[in-house]
Amino acid sequence: MNIKQKLTSRKWWLSVAAFLGSIGATVAGITTDKEVVATIGIICATLSAAIYAACEASVDAASIGASASETEEGEDNG
């Protein structure tokens, strides 16, 4: 995936927004001495990155599966 595709990806921007929101919650928790809020922010920041990676892996696997089935169909017709 090139940089232009990445910057127009809704999954990417949603992940960035979730990460930044989580960092904001972490900072707010730290500055107000709310350890629970800070901990939740850290966990959510980590999860947003993990969920994005899982979504990308799923899309890549589907793409590979689709190209493999197209290749098999082309070989059967040849």
C-alpha atoms as a PDB file:
ATOM      1  CA  MET A   1       0.000   0.000   0.000  1.00  0.00           C
ATOM      2  CA  ASN A   2       1.497   3.308  -1.012  1.00  0.00           C
ATOM      3  CA  ILE A   3       1.386   6.480   1.067  1.00  0.00           C
ATOM      4  CA  LYS A   4      -1.488   8.039  -0.940  1.00  0.00           C
ATOM      5  CA  GLN A   5      -3.680   4.985  -0.346  1.00  0.00           C
ATOM      6  CA  LYS A   6      -2.771   5.034   3.345  1.00  0.00           C
ATOM      7  CA  LEU A   7      -3.724   8.712   3.735  1.00  0.00           C
ATOM      8  CA  THR A   8      -7.117   8.154   2.100  1.00  0.00           C
ATOM      9  CA  SER A   9      -7.904   5.023   4.132  1.00  0.00           C
ATOM     10  CA  ARG A  10     -10.807   5.407   6.563  1.00  0.00           C
ATOM     11  CA  LYS A  11      -9.397   2.587   8.704  1.00  0.00           C
ATOM     12  CA  TRP A  12      -6.126   4.488   9.035  1.00  0.00           C
ATOM     13  CA  TRP A  13      -7.763   7.774  10.079  1.00  0.00           C
ATOM     14  CA  LEU A  14     -10.101   6.011  12.508  1.00  0.00           C
ATOM     15  CA  SER A  15      -7.105   4.286  14.069  1.00  0.00           C
ATOM     16  CA  VAL A  16      -5.209   7.581  14.319  1.00  0.00           C
ATOM     17  CA  ALA A  17      -8.219   9.288  15.920  1.00  0.00           C
ATOM     18  CA  ALA A  18      -8.679   6.442  18.410  1.00  0.00           C
ATOM     19  CA  PHE A  19      -4.982   6.507  19.271  1.00  0.00           C
ATOM     20  CA  LEU A  20      -4.914  10.278  19.768  1.00  0.00           C
ATOM     21  CA  GLY A  21      -8.091  10.182  21.844  1.00  0.00           C
ATOM     22  CA  SER A  22      -6.581   7.482  24.016  1.00  0.00           C
ATOM     23  CA  ILE A  23      -3.383   9.478  24.462  1.00  0.00           C
ATOM     24  CA  GLY A  24      -5.515  12.477  25.417  1.00  0.00           C
ATOM     25  CA  ALA A  25      -7.332  10.386  28.019  1.00  0.00           C
ATOM     26  CA  THR A  26      -4.003   9.135  29.342  1.00  0.00           C
ATOM     27  CA  VAL A  27      -2.624  12.660  29.694  1.00  0.00           C
ATOM     28  CA  ALA A  28      -5.845  13.843  31.340  1.00  0.00           C
ATOM     29  CA  GLY A  29      -5.690  10.932  33.768  1.00  0.00           C
ATOM     30  CA  ILE A  30      -2.082  11.663  34.636  1.00  0.00           C
ATOM     31  CA  THR A  31      -2.620  15.393  35.148  1.00  0.00           C
ATOM     32  CA  THR A  32      -5.666  14.853  37.377  1.00  0.00           C
ATOM     33  CA  ASP A  33      -4.111  11.946  39.293  1.00  0.00           C
ATOM     34  CA  LYS A  34      -6.794   9.551  38.055  1.00  0.00           C
ATOM     35  CA  GLU A  35      -4.835   6.341  37.625  1.00  0.00           C
ATOM     36  CA  VAL A  36      -7.838   4.430  36.285  1.00  0.00           C
ATOM     37  CA  VAL A  37      -8.366   6.936  33.457  1.00  0.00           C
ATOM     38  CA  ALA A  38      -4.659   6.899  32.597  1.00  0.00           C
ATOM     39  CA  THR A  39      -4.605   3.097  32.553  1.00  0.00           C
ATOM     40  CA  ILE A  40      -7.704   2.885  30.354  1.00  0.00           C
ATOM     41  CA  GLY A  41      -6.136   5.404  27.961  1.00  0.00           C
ATOM     42  CA  ILE A  42      -2.973   3.341  27.660  1.00  0.00           C
ATOM     43  CA  ILE A  43      -4.933   0.135  27.085  1.00  0.00           C
ATOM     44  CA  CYS A  44      -7.142   1.758  24.451  1.00  0.00           C
ATOM     45  CA  ALA A  45      -4.135   3.251  22.649  1.00  0.00           C
ATOM     46  CA  THR A  46      -2.565  -0.195  22.449  1.00  0.00           C
ATOM     47  CA  LEU A  47      -5.820  -1.822  21.359  1.00  0.00           C
ATOM     48  CA  SER A  48      -6.409   0.739  18.606  1.00  0.00           C
ATOM     49  CA  ALA A  49      -3.047  -0.124  17.066  1.00  0.00           C
ATOM     50  CA  ALA A  50      -3.684  -3.869  17.445  1.00  0.00           C
ATOM     51  CA  ILE A  51      -7.152  -3.641  15.900  1.00  0.00           C
ATOM     52  CA  TYR A  52      -5.800  -1.653  12.947  1.00  0.00           C
ATOM     53  CA  ALA A  53      -3.090  -4.263  12.377  1.00  0.00           C
ATOM     54  CA  ALA A  54      -5.659  -7.061  12.536  1.00  0.00           C
ATOM     55  CA  CYS A  55      -7.923  -5.286  10.041  1.00  0.00           C
ATOM     56  CA  GLU A  56      -5.046  -4.765   7.630  1.00  0.00           C
ATOM     57  CA  ALA A  57      -4.025  -8.429   7.970  1.00  0.00           C
ATOM     58  CA  SER A  58      -7.608  -9.488   7.243  1.00  0.00           C
ATOM     59  CA  VAL A  59      -7.789  -7.299   4.143  1.00  0.00           C
ATOM     60  CA  ASP A  60      -4.411  -8.591   2.943  1.00  0.00           C
ATOM     61  CA  ALA A  61      -5.477 -12.209   3.473  1.00  0.00           C
ATOM     62  CA  ALA A  62      -8.703 -11.627   1.541  1.00  0.00           C
ATOM     63  CA  SER A  63      -6.750  -9.990  -1.264  1.00  0.00           C
ATOM     64  CA  ILE A  64      -4.317 -12.904  -1.457  1.00  0.00           C
ATOM     65  CA  GLY A  65      -7.215 -15.360  -1.425  1.00  0.00           C
ATOM     66  CA  ALA A  66      -8.972 -13.513  -4.224  1.00  0.00           C
ATOM     67  CA  SER A  67      -5.856 -13.371  -6.402  1.00  0.00           C
ATOM     68  CA  ALA A  68      -5.159 -17.072  -5.741  1.00  0.00           C
ATOM     69  CA  SER A  69      -8.687 -18.058  -6.828  1.00  0.00           C
ATOM     70  CA  GLU A  70      -8.362 -15.912  -9.975  1.00  0.00           C
ATOM     71  CA  THR A  71      -5.092 -17.670 -10.791  1.00  0.00           C
ATOM     72  CA  GLU A  72      -6.673 -21.095 -10.307  1.00  0.00           C
ATOM     73  CA  GLU A  73      -9.613 -20.183 -12.563  1.00  0.00           C
ATOM     74  CA  GLY A  74      -7.207 -18.984 -15.245  1.00  0.00           C
ATOM     75  CA  GLU A  75      -5.267 -22.264 -15.117  1.00  0.00           C
ATOM     76  CA  ASP A  76      -8.467 -24.348 -15.372  1.00  0.00           C
ATOM     77  CA  ASN A  77      -9.583 -22.519 -18.520  1.00  0.00           C
ATOM     78  CA  GLY A  78      -6.171 -22.755 -20.234  1.00  0.00           C
END
